[in-house]
Amino acid sequence: MVRGPQSVLYGSDAIGGVINIILKRGKGKPNGYVKAWAGSYHTYGETVAGGGSQGWLDYYASVTRLDSRGFSAAAVRDGNHERDGFGGTSYMTKLGITPSDKFETTMLVKGHANRIETDDGGGSGQDDPDRYGKDRELLLRIEPKLSLLDGRWEQRFAFSHVRNRRTDN
């Protein structure tokens, strides 16, 4: 069930849910972590992240890399022996400036670069084993927020720029 302002958009008969993603803010002394994982189809991932705060400034950044040898959705019996892998890097940097309890500005840089191998078809001679696509996205956002009347009146203004480039070779 969705409550609050989002319920107007989706109503009580909504078939799915609404996901609200809130990006981390840095807190306290500089800290971070490194994480690595592995899975099926020779899938490997790594993340490096960290953040902190100093006075009126908070910061957080992360970089994640994911690689998978993948598998072919096209039938091997039709001569399709290549695996359709994936390789991608995503990154995020968030900077917050809070000079007073009434005003703050958040700046965000977020993006990814992926290489995706795909199948054209499943039958004999339908698949190009050299086909792949690339997907690159960059998001820039700045959002100042002014809070007045003990937080009862809040003004936000956000400027965002998104660039997405996709190619299919």
N, C-alpha and C. Protein backbone atom coordinates (compact mmCIF):
# COMPACT_ATOMS: atom_id res chain seq x y z
N MET A 1 0.84 -1.18 0.00
CA MET A 1 0.00 0.00 0.00
C MET A 1 0.89 1.24 0.00
N VAL A 2 0.53 2.21 -0.80
CA VAL A 2 1.27 3.45 -0.89
C VAL A 2 0.54 4.51 -0.10
N ARG A 3 1.25 5.19 0.76
CA ARG A 3 0.65 6.26 1.56
C ARG A 3 1.29 7.59 1.20
N GLY A 4 0.66 8.66 1.56
CA GLY A 4 1.25 9.98 1.34
C GLY A 4 1.03 10.47 -0.08
N PRO A 5 1.87 11.41 -0.54
CA PRO A 5 1.64 12.06 -1.83
C PRO A 5 1.69 11.11 -3.02
N GLN A 6 2.39 9.99 -2.93
CA GLN A 6 2.47 9.06 -4.05
C GLN A 6 1.17 8.30 -4.26
N SER A 7 0.32 8.22 -3.24
CA SER A 7 -0.92 7.45 -3.36
C SER A 7 -1.85 8.06 -4.41
N VAL A 8 -1.77 9.35 -4.65
CA VAL A 8 -2.60 9.99 -5.67
C VAL A 8 -2.27 9.42 -7.05
N LEU A 9 -0.99 9.17 -7.30
CA LEU A 9 -0.57 8.67 -8.60
C LEU A 9 -0.95 7.22 -8.82
N TYR A 10 -0.89 6.40 -7.77
CA TYR A 10 -1.05 4.97 -7.94
C TYR A 10 -2.35 4.41 -7.36
N GLY A 11 -2.93 5.07 -6.40
CA GLY A 11 -4.21 4.66 -5.86
C GLY A 11 -4.18 3.34 -5.11
N SER A 12 -5.33 2.97 -4.57
CA SER A 12 -5.41 1.75 -3.77
C SER A 12 -5.42 0.49 -4.63
N ASP A 13 -5.63 0.62 -5.94
CA ASP A 13 -5.67 -0.55 -6.83
C ASP A 13 -4.34 -0.76 -7.56
N ALA A 14 -3.29 -0.13 -7.12
CA ALA A 14 -1.99 -0.27 -7.78
C ALA A 14 -1.55 -1.72 -7.73
N ILE A 15 -1.05 -2.22 -8.86
CA ILE A 15 -0.64 -3.62 -8.94
C ILE A 15 0.77 -3.83 -8.39
N GLY A 16 1.61 -2.82 -8.46
CA GLY A 16 2.99 -2.95 -7.98
C GLY A 16 3.26 -1.97 -6.87
N GLY A 17 4.49 -1.90 -6.49
CA GLY A 17 4.86 -0.99 -5.42
C GLY A 17 5.65 0.19 -5.95
N VAL A 18 5.89 1.12 -5.09
CA VAL A 18 6.70 2.29 -5.40
C VAL A 18 7.97 2.18 -4.58
N ILE A 19 9.10 2.37 -5.22
CA ILE A 19 10.37 2.28 -4.52
C ILE A 19 10.95 3.67 -4.37
N ASN A 20 11.26 4.05 -3.16
CA ASN A 20 11.86 5.35 -2.87
C ASN A 20 13.31 5.11 -2.50
N ILE A 21 14.22 5.51 -3.38
CA ILE A 21 15.64 5.30 -3.13
C ILE A 21 16.23 6.58 -2.55
N ILE A 22 16.82 6.47 -1.39
CA ILE A 22 17.46 7.61 -0.74
C ILE A 22 18.95 7.30 -0.67
N LEU A 23 19.73 8.11 -1.35
CA LEU A 23 21.17 7.88 -1.39
C LEU A 23 21.81 8.26 -0.05
N LYS A 24 22.83 7.52 0.32
CA LYS A 24 23.51 7.74 1.59
C LYS A 24 24.17 9.11 1.65
N ARG A 25 24.24 9.65 2.85
CA ARG A 25 25.00 10.86 3.14
C ARG A 25 26.16 10.45 4.04
N GLY A 26 27.27 11.12 3.84
CA GLY A 26 28.40 10.86 4.71
C GLY A 26 28.13 11.36 6.12
N LYS A 27 28.63 10.63 7.12
CA LYS A 27 28.45 11.02 8.52
C LYS A 27 29.74 10.78 9.27
N GLY A 28 30.11 11.72 10.11
CA GLY A 28 31.24 11.54 11.02
C GLY A 28 32.59 11.50 10.33
N LYS A 29 33.52 10.84 11.00
CA LYS A 29 34.88 10.73 10.47
C LYS A 29 34.88 9.99 9.14
N PRO A 30 35.86 10.27 8.28
CA PRO A 30 35.94 9.54 7.01
C PRO A 30 35.97 8.03 7.24
N ASN A 31 35.13 7.32 6.51
CA ASN A 31 35.06 5.87 6.64
C ASN A 31 34.70 5.28 5.28
N GLY A 32 34.89 4.00 5.12
CA GLY A 32 34.57 3.37 3.85
C GLY A 32 34.60 1.87 3.96
N TYR A 33 34.37 1.23 2.84
CA TYR A 33 34.40 -0.23 2.80
C TYR A 33 34.73 -0.70 1.39
N VAL A 34 35.17 -1.94 1.32
CA VAL A 34 35.42 -2.63 0.06
C VAL A 34 34.64 -3.93 0.13
N LYS A 35 33.94 -4.26 -0.94
CA LYS A 35 33.13 -5.47 -0.95
C LYS A 35 33.36 -6.19 -2.28
N ALA A 36 33.43 -7.51 -2.25
CA ALA A 36 33.58 -8.31 -3.46
C ALA A 36 32.65 -9.51 -3.36
N TRP A 37 32.14 -9.97 -4.48
CA TRP A 37 31.26 -11.12 -4.49
C TRP A 37 31.40 -11.87 -5.82
N ALA A 38 30.89 -13.09 -5.84
CA ALA A 38 30.96 -13.92 -7.04
C ALA A 38 29.70 -14.76 -7.13
N GLY A 39 29.37 -15.17 -8.36
CA GLY A 39 28.16 -15.96 -8.55
C GLY A 39 28.25 -16.84 -9.79
N SER A 40 27.12 -17.33 -10.20
CA SER A 40 27.02 -18.22 -11.36
C SER A 40 27.47 -17.53 -12.63
N TYR A 41 27.81 -18.34 -13.64
CA TYR A 41 28.22 -17.87 -14.96
C TYR A 41 29.45 -16.97 -14.89
N HIS A 42 30.36 -17.29 -14.00
CA HIS A 42 31.59 -16.51 -13.82
C HIS A 42 31.27 -15.02 -13.62
N THR A 43 30.38 -14.77 -12.68
CA THR A 43 29.96 -13.40 -12.36
C THR A 43 30.76 -12.92 -11.15
N TYR A 44 31.35 -11.73 -11.30
CA TYR A 44 32.17 -11.14 -10.24
C TYR A 44 31.81 -9.68 -10.08
N GLY A 45 31.81 -9.22 -8.85
CA GLY A 45 31.52 -7.82 -8.59
C GLY A 45 32.37 -7.27 -7.47
N GLU A 46 32.64 -5.99 -7.54
CA GLU A 46 33.43 -5.31 -6.52
C GLU A 46 32.82 -3.92 -6.29
N THR A 47 32.85 -3.47 -5.05
CA THR A 47 32.41 -2.13 -4.70
C THR A 47 33.42 -1.50 -3.77
N VAL A 48 33.71 -0.24 -4.01
CA VAL A 48 34.52 0.57 -3.11
C VAL A 48 33.67 1.80 -2.80
N ALA A 49 33.48 2.11 -1.53
CA ALA A 49 32.64 3.23 -1.15
C ALA A 49 33.16 3.86 0.13
N GLY A 50 32.83 5.12 0.32
CA GLY A 50 33.23 5.80 1.53
C GLY A 50 32.63 7.19 1.62
N GLY A 51 32.69 7.73 2.80
CA GLY A 51 32.15 9.06 3.01
C GLY A 51 32.50 9.58 4.39
N GLY A 52 31.95 10.71 4.69
CA GLY A 52 32.18 11.33 5.99
C GLY A 52 31.57 12.71 6.01
N SER A 53 31.85 13.43 7.07
CA SER A 53 31.37 14.81 7.18
C SER A 53 32.37 15.62 7.99
N GLN A 54 32.37 16.90 7.71
CA GLN A 54 33.26 17.83 8.41
C GLN A 54 32.51 19.15 8.50
N GLY A 55 32.05 19.50 9.69
CA GLY A 55 31.32 20.75 9.86
C GLY A 55 30.06 20.78 9.00
N TRP A 56 29.97 21.75 8.12
CA TRP A 56 28.78 21.92 7.29
C TRP A 56 28.85 21.13 5.97
N LEU A 57 29.87 20.30 5.79
CA LEU A 57 30.06 19.54 4.56
C LEU A 57 29.93 18.04 4.82
N ASP A 58 29.15 17.35 3.99
CA ASP A 58 29.12 15.88 4.04
C ASP A 58 29.34 15.36 2.63
N TYR A 59 29.93 14.16 2.52
CA TYR A 59 30.30 13.62 1.23
C TYR A 59 30.21 12.10 1.27
N TYR A 60 29.91 11.52 0.10
CA TYR A 60 29.83 10.08 -0.03
C TYR A 60 30.10 9.74 -1.49
N ALA A 61 30.87 8.68 -1.73
CA ALA A 61 31.17 8.25 -3.10
C ALA A 61 31.26 6.74 -3.15
N SER A 62 30.91 6.19 -4.30
CA SER A 62 31.03 4.75 -4.49
C SER A 62 31.27 4.43 -5.97
N VAL A 63 31.98 3.33 -6.18
CA VAL A 63 32.21 2.79 -7.52
C VAL A 63 31.96 1.29 -7.44
N THR A 64 31.19 0.77 -8.39
CA THR A 64 30.89 -0.65 -8.43
C THR A 64 31.20 -1.19 -9.83
N ARG A 65 31.84 -2.33 -9.88
CA ARG A 65 32.15 -3.00 -11.14
C ARG A 65 31.50 -4.38 -11.11
N LEU A 66 30.84 -4.77 -12.20
CA LEU A 66 30.20 -6.07 -12.31
C LEU A 66 30.56 -6.67 -13.67
N ASP A 67 31.05 -7.91 -13.66
CA ASP A 67 31.38 -8.63 -14.88
C ASP A 67 30.78 -10.02 -14.82
N SER A 68 30.25 -10.49 -15.96
CA SER A 68 29.70 -11.83 -16.03
C SER A 68 29.99 -12.41 -17.41
N ARG A 69 30.44 -13.63 -17.43
CA ARG A 69 30.66 -14.30 -18.71
C ARG A 69 29.31 -14.58 -19.37
N GLY A 70 28.29 -14.77 -18.58
CA GLY A 70 26.94 -14.94 -19.10
C GLY A 70 26.68 -16.29 -19.72
N PHE A 71 25.60 -16.36 -20.47
CA PHE A 71 25.21 -17.57 -21.18
C PHE A 71 24.46 -17.14 -22.43
N SER A 72 24.35 -18.04 -23.38
CA SER A 72 23.64 -17.75 -24.62
C SER A 72 22.19 -18.17 -24.48
N ALA A 73 21.29 -17.27 -24.82
CA ALA A 73 19.88 -17.62 -24.82
C ALA A 73 19.51 -18.34 -26.12
N ALA A 74 20.37 -18.20 -27.14
CA ALA A 74 20.16 -18.92 -28.40
C ALA A 74 20.58 -20.38 -28.22
N ALA A 75 19.93 -21.27 -28.91
CA ALA A 75 20.13 -22.71 -28.72
C ALA A 75 21.51 -23.16 -29.21
N VAL A 76 22.19 -23.93 -28.38
CA VAL A 76 23.50 -24.50 -28.73
C VAL A 76 23.33 -25.51 -29.87
N ARG A 77 22.21 -26.23 -29.90
CA ARG A 77 21.99 -27.23 -30.96
C ARG A 77 21.93 -26.61 -32.35
N ASP A 78 21.71 -25.27 -32.41
CA ASP A 78 21.68 -24.57 -33.69
C ASP A 78 23.02 -23.89 -34.00
N GLY A 79 24.07 -24.25 -33.25
CA GLY A 79 25.40 -23.71 -33.52
C GLY A 79 25.73 -22.44 -32.78
N ASN A 80 24.95 -22.06 -31.78
CA ASN A 80 25.19 -20.83 -31.02
C ASN A 80 25.98 -21.17 -29.75
N HIS A 81 27.28 -21.08 -29.85
CA HIS A 81 28.15 -21.50 -28.75
C HIS A 81 28.70 -20.34 -27.92
N GLU A 82 28.52 -19.12 -28.37
CA GLU A 82 29.10 -18.00 -27.63
C GLU A 82 28.27 -17.70 -26.39
N ARG A 83 28.94 -17.16 -25.40
CA ARG A 83 28.25 -16.71 -24.20
C ARG A 83 27.98 -15.22 -24.35
N ASP A 84 26.87 -14.77 -23.85
CA ASP A 84 26.53 -13.35 -23.93
C ASP A 84 26.81 -12.71 -22.57
N GLY A 85 27.96 -12.11 -22.47
CA GLY A 85 28.40 -11.56 -21.20
C GLY A 85 27.98 -10.12 -20.97
N PHE A 86 28.37 -9.64 -19.82
CA PHE A 86 28.05 -8.28 -19.40
C PHE A 86 29.24 -7.73 -18.64
N GLY A 87 29.56 -6.47 -18.84
CA GLY A 87 30.57 -5.78 -18.05
C GLY A 87 30.10 -4.36 -17.82
N GLY A 88 30.13 -3.92 -16.59
CA GLY A 88 29.64 -2.57 -16.32
C GLY A 88 30.25 -1.96 -15.08
N THR A 89 30.37 -0.65 -15.13
CA THR A 89 30.86 0.13 -14.00
C THR A 89 29.85 1.22 -13.68
N SER A 90 29.48 1.35 -12.43
CA SER A 90 28.60 2.44 -12.01
C SER A 90 29.30 3.24 -10.91
N TYR A 91 28.98 4.51 -10.85
CA TYR A 91 29.63 5.39 -9.89
C TYR A 91 28.63 6.41 -9.37
N MET A 92 28.91 6.93 -8.19
CA MET A 92 28.05 7.92 -7.58
C MET A 92 28.87 8.77 -6.62
N THR A 93 28.68 10.06 -6.68
CA THR A 93 29.28 10.99 -5.73
C THR A 93 28.20 11.95 -5.26
N LYS A 94 28.07 12.09 -3.96
CA LYS A 94 27.06 13.00 -3.40
C LYS A 94 27.76 13.94 -2.42
N LEU A 95 27.48 15.21 -2.58
CA LEU A 95 28.08 16.24 -1.74
C LEU A 95 26.97 17.08 -1.15
N GLY A 96 26.98 17.26 0.15
CA GLY A 96 25.97 18.08 0.82
C GLY A 96 26.62 19.24 1.54
N ILE A 97 26.02 20.40 1.41
CA ILE A 97 26.50 21.61 2.08
C ILE A 97 25.35 22.15 2.91
N THR A 98 25.55 22.25 4.22
CA THR A 98 24.51 22.72 5.12
C THR A 98 25.07 23.86 5.97
N PRO A 99 25.04 25.11 5.45
CA PRO A 99 25.61 26.23 6.20
C PRO A 99 24.75 26.66 7.40
N SER A 100 23.46 26.29 7.41
CA SER A 100 22.60 26.61 8.56
C SER A 100 21.52 25.54 8.66
N ASP A 101 20.77 25.57 9.76
CA ASP A 101 19.70 24.58 9.92
C ASP A 101 18.50 24.89 9.04
N LYS A 102 18.51 26.02 8.34
CA LYS A 102 17.41 26.42 7.47
C LYS A 102 17.72 26.22 5.97
N PHE A 103 19.00 26.03 5.62
CA PHE A 103 19.36 25.94 4.21
C PHE A 103 20.40 24.85 4.00
N GLU A 104 20.19 24.07 2.93
CA GLU A 104 21.17 23.07 2.54
C GLU A 104 21.12 22.89 1.02
N THR A 105 22.22 22.45 0.46
CA THR A 105 22.31 22.15 -0.96
C THR A 105 22.93 20.78 -1.13
N THR A 106 22.35 19.98 -2.01
CA THR A 106 22.88 18.66 -2.31
C THR A 106 23.26 18.63 -3.78
N MET A 107 24.46 18.10 -4.05
CA MET A 107 24.93 17.93 -5.42
C MET A 107 25.21 16.46 -5.65
N LEU A 108 24.81 15.96 -6.80
CA LEU A 108 24.93 14.54 -7.10
C LEU A 108 25.49 14.36 -8.51
N VAL A 109 26.45 13.46 -8.64
CA VAL A 109 26.94 12.99 -9.93
C VAL A 109 26.82 11.48 -9.89
N LYS A 110 26.11 10.92 -10.87
CA LYS A 110 25.84 9.49 -10.87
C LYS A 110 25.85 9.00 -12.30
N GLY A 111 26.33 7.79 -12.52
CA GLY A 111 26.33 7.29 -13.88
C GLY A 111 26.77 5.85 -13.98
N HIS A 112 26.80 5.36 -15.22
CA HIS A 112 27.27 4.01 -15.47
C HIS A 112 27.74 3.90 -16.92
N ALA A 113 28.57 2.89 -17.15
CA ALA A 113 29.03 2.53 -18.49
C ALA A 113 28.98 1.01 -18.58
N ASN A 114 28.19 0.49 -19.50
CA ASN A 114 27.99 -0.95 -19.62
C ASN A 114 28.27 -1.45 -21.03
N ARG A 115 28.72 -2.68 -21.13
CA ARG A 115 28.86 -3.37 -22.41
C ARG A 115 28.06 -4.66 -22.29
N ILE A 116 27.08 -4.84 -23.18
CA ILE A 116 26.13 -5.93 -23.08
C ILE A 116 26.16 -6.74 -24.37
N GLU A 117 26.41 -8.04 -24.26
CA GLU A 117 26.35 -8.92 -25.43
C GLU A 117 24.96 -9.52 -25.50
N THR A 118 24.39 -9.57 -26.70
CA THR A 118 23.01 -10.03 -26.86
C THR A 118 22.89 -11.03 -28.01
N ASP A 119 21.77 -11.72 -28.04
CA ASP A 119 21.44 -12.64 -29.12
C ASP A 119 20.44 -11.98 -30.07
N ASP A 120 20.58 -12.29 -31.37
CA ASP A 120 19.62 -11.79 -32.36
C ASP A 120 18.41 -12.71 -32.47
N GLY A 121 18.65 -13.98 -32.33
CA GLY A 121 17.57 -14.95 -32.46
C GLY A 121 18.06 -16.30 -32.01
N GLY A 122 17.14 -17.27 -31.93
CA GLY A 122 17.51 -18.57 -31.40
C GLY A 122 17.68 -19.67 -32.43
N GLY A 123 17.27 -19.43 -33.66
CA GLY A 123 17.33 -20.49 -34.65
C GLY A 123 18.66 -20.54 -35.37
N SER A 124 18.79 -21.51 -36.24
CA SER A 124 20.02 -21.71 -36.99
C SER A 124 20.32 -20.49 -37.87
N GLY A 125 21.54 -19.94 -37.73
CA GLY A 125 21.97 -18.80 -38.52
C GLY A 125 21.36 -17.47 -38.13
N GLN A 126 20.58 -17.41 -37.07
CA GLN A 126 19.92 -16.16 -36.67
C GLN A 126 20.75 -15.31 -35.73
N ASP A 127 21.76 -15.89 -35.11
CA ASP A 127 22.50 -15.16 -34.09
C ASP A 127 23.84 -14.67 -34.63
N ASP A 128 24.15 -13.41 -34.38
CA ASP A 128 25.46 -12.85 -34.71
C ASP A 128 26.30 -12.93 -33.43
N PRO A 129 27.32 -13.78 -33.39
CA PRO A 129 28.10 -13.95 -32.16
C PRO A 129 28.92 -12.72 -31.78
N ASP A 130 29.06 -11.76 -32.70
CA ASP A 130 29.84 -10.56 -32.41
C ASP A 130 28.97 -9.36 -32.02
N ARG A 131 27.68 -9.56 -31.87
CA ARG A 131 26.79 -8.44 -31.54
C ARG A 131 26.92 -8.05 -30.08
N TYR A 132 27.00 -6.75 -29.85
CA TYR A 132 27.01 -6.23 -28.48
C TYR A 132 26.49 -4.80 -28.50
N GLY A 133 26.13 -4.32 -27.35
CA GLY A 133 25.66 -2.95 -27.20
C GLY A 133 26.40 -2.26 -26.08
N LYS A 134 26.41 -0.94 -26.13
CA LYS A 134 27.00 -0.14 -25.06
C LYS A 134 25.96 0.84 -24.56
N ASP A 135 26.00 1.07 -23.27
CA ASP A 135 25.05 1.97 -22.62
C ASP A 135 25.83 2.85 -21.65
N ARG A 136 25.77 4.15 -21.85
CA ARG A 136 26.44 5.10 -20.95
C ARG A 136 25.43 6.13 -20.49
N GLU A 137 25.43 6.39 -19.19
CA GLU A 137 24.51 7.39 -18.66
C GLU A 137 25.23 8.26 -17.64
N LEU A 138 24.89 9.54 -17.65
CA LEU A 138 25.43 10.50 -16.71
C LEU A 138 24.29 11.34 -16.18
N LEU A 139 24.20 11.46 -14.86
CA LEU A 139 23.20 12.30 -14.20
C LEU A 139 23.92 13.32 -13.35
N LEU A 140 23.59 14.57 -13.54
CA LEU A 140 24.09 15.66 -12.70
C LEU A 140 22.87 16.31 -12.06
N ARG A 141 22.93 16.56 -10.77
CA ARG A 141 21.78 17.16 -10.07
C ARG A 141 22.26 18.07 -8.96
N ILE A 142 21.60 19.21 -8.84
CA ILE A 142 21.86 20.12 -7.72
C ILE A 142 20.50 20.51 -7.15
N GLU A 143 20.39 20.46 -5.83
CA GLU A 143 19.10 20.71 -5.20
C GLU A 143 19.25 21.53 -3.91
N PRO A 144 19.03 22.83 -3.99
CA PRO A 144 19.00 23.63 -2.77
C PRO A 144 17.64 23.48 -2.07
N LYS A 145 17.66 23.54 -0.74
CA LYS A 145 16.43 23.40 0.06
C LYS A 145 16.43 24.46 1.14
N LEU A 146 15.32 25.18 1.26
CA LEU A 146 15.14 26.21 2.28
C LEU A 146 13.98 25.79 3.16
N SER A 147 14.19 25.76 4.47
CA SER A 147 13.17 25.36 5.43
C SER A 147 12.87 26.55 6.35
N LEU A 148 11.60 26.96 6.38
CA LEU A 148 11.19 28.09 7.20
C LEU A 148 10.03 27.71 8.12
N LEU A 149 9.72 28.58 9.04
CA LEU A 149 8.62 28.38 9.98
C LEU A 149 8.77 27.06 10.74
N ASP A 150 9.94 26.86 11.31
CA ASP A 150 10.25 25.65 12.08
C ASP A 150 10.00 24.36 11.30
N GLY A 151 10.33 24.38 10.01
CA GLY A 151 10.21 23.20 9.17
C GLY A 151 8.83 22.97 8.58
N ARG A 152 7.87 23.84 8.87
CA ARG A 152 6.52 23.66 8.33
C ARG A 152 6.40 24.11 6.88
N TRP A 153 7.35 24.93 6.42
CA TRP A 153 7.35 25.40 5.03
C TRP A 153 8.71 25.10 4.43
N GLU A 154 8.70 24.26 3.43
CA GLU A 154 9.95 23.83 2.82
C GLU A 154 9.91 24.12 1.31
N GLN A 155 10.93 24.78 0.85
CA GLN A 155 11.05 25.09 -0.57
C GLN A 155 12.25 24.34 -1.14
N ARG A 156 12.03 23.63 -2.24
CA ARG A 156 13.11 22.92 -2.93
C ARG A 156 13.08 23.32 -4.40
N PHE A 157 14.26 23.41 -4.94
CA PHE A 157 14.41 23.65 -6.36
C PHE A 157 15.50 22.70 -6.83
N ALA A 158 15.20 21.92 -7.84
CA ALA A 158 16.20 20.96 -8.31
C ALA A 158 16.45 21.18 -9.80
N PHE A 159 17.71 21.11 -10.16
CA PHE A 159 18.12 21.16 -11.55
C PHE A 159 18.84 19.86 -11.84
N SER A 160 18.37 19.15 -12.87
CA SER A 160 18.99 17.88 -13.25
C SER A 160 19.32 17.88 -14.73
N HIS A 161 20.39 17.20 -15.04
CA HIS A 161 20.77 17.00 -16.43
C HIS A 161 21.09 15.51 -16.58
N VAL A 162 20.47 14.86 -17.55
CA VAL A 162 20.71 13.44 -17.80
C VAL A 162 21.14 13.27 -19.25
N ARG A 163 22.21 12.54 -19.44
CA ARG A 163 22.66 12.21 -20.79
C ARG A 163 22.79 10.70 -20.87
N ASN A 164 22.13 10.11 -21.87
CA ASN A 164 22.16 8.67 -22.05
C ASN A 164 22.54 8.39 -23.49
N ARG A 165 23.56 7.59 -23.67
CA ARG A 165 23.99 7.21 -25.02
C ARG A 165 23.99 5.69 -25.12
N ARG A 166 23.31 5.20 -26.16
CA ARG A 166 23.26 3.75 -26.39
C ARG A 166 23.70 3.47 -27.81
N THR A 167 24.48 2.43 -27.96
CA THR A 167 24.87 1.99 -29.29
C THR A 167 24.65 0.49 -29.38
N ASP A 168 24.35 0.04 -30.58
CA ASP A 168 24.13 -1.38 -30.84
C ASP A 168 25.02 -1.73 -32.04
N ASN A 169 26.05 -2.54 -31.81
CA ASN A 169 26.99 -2.90 -32.87
C ASN A 169 26.64 -4.27 -33.43
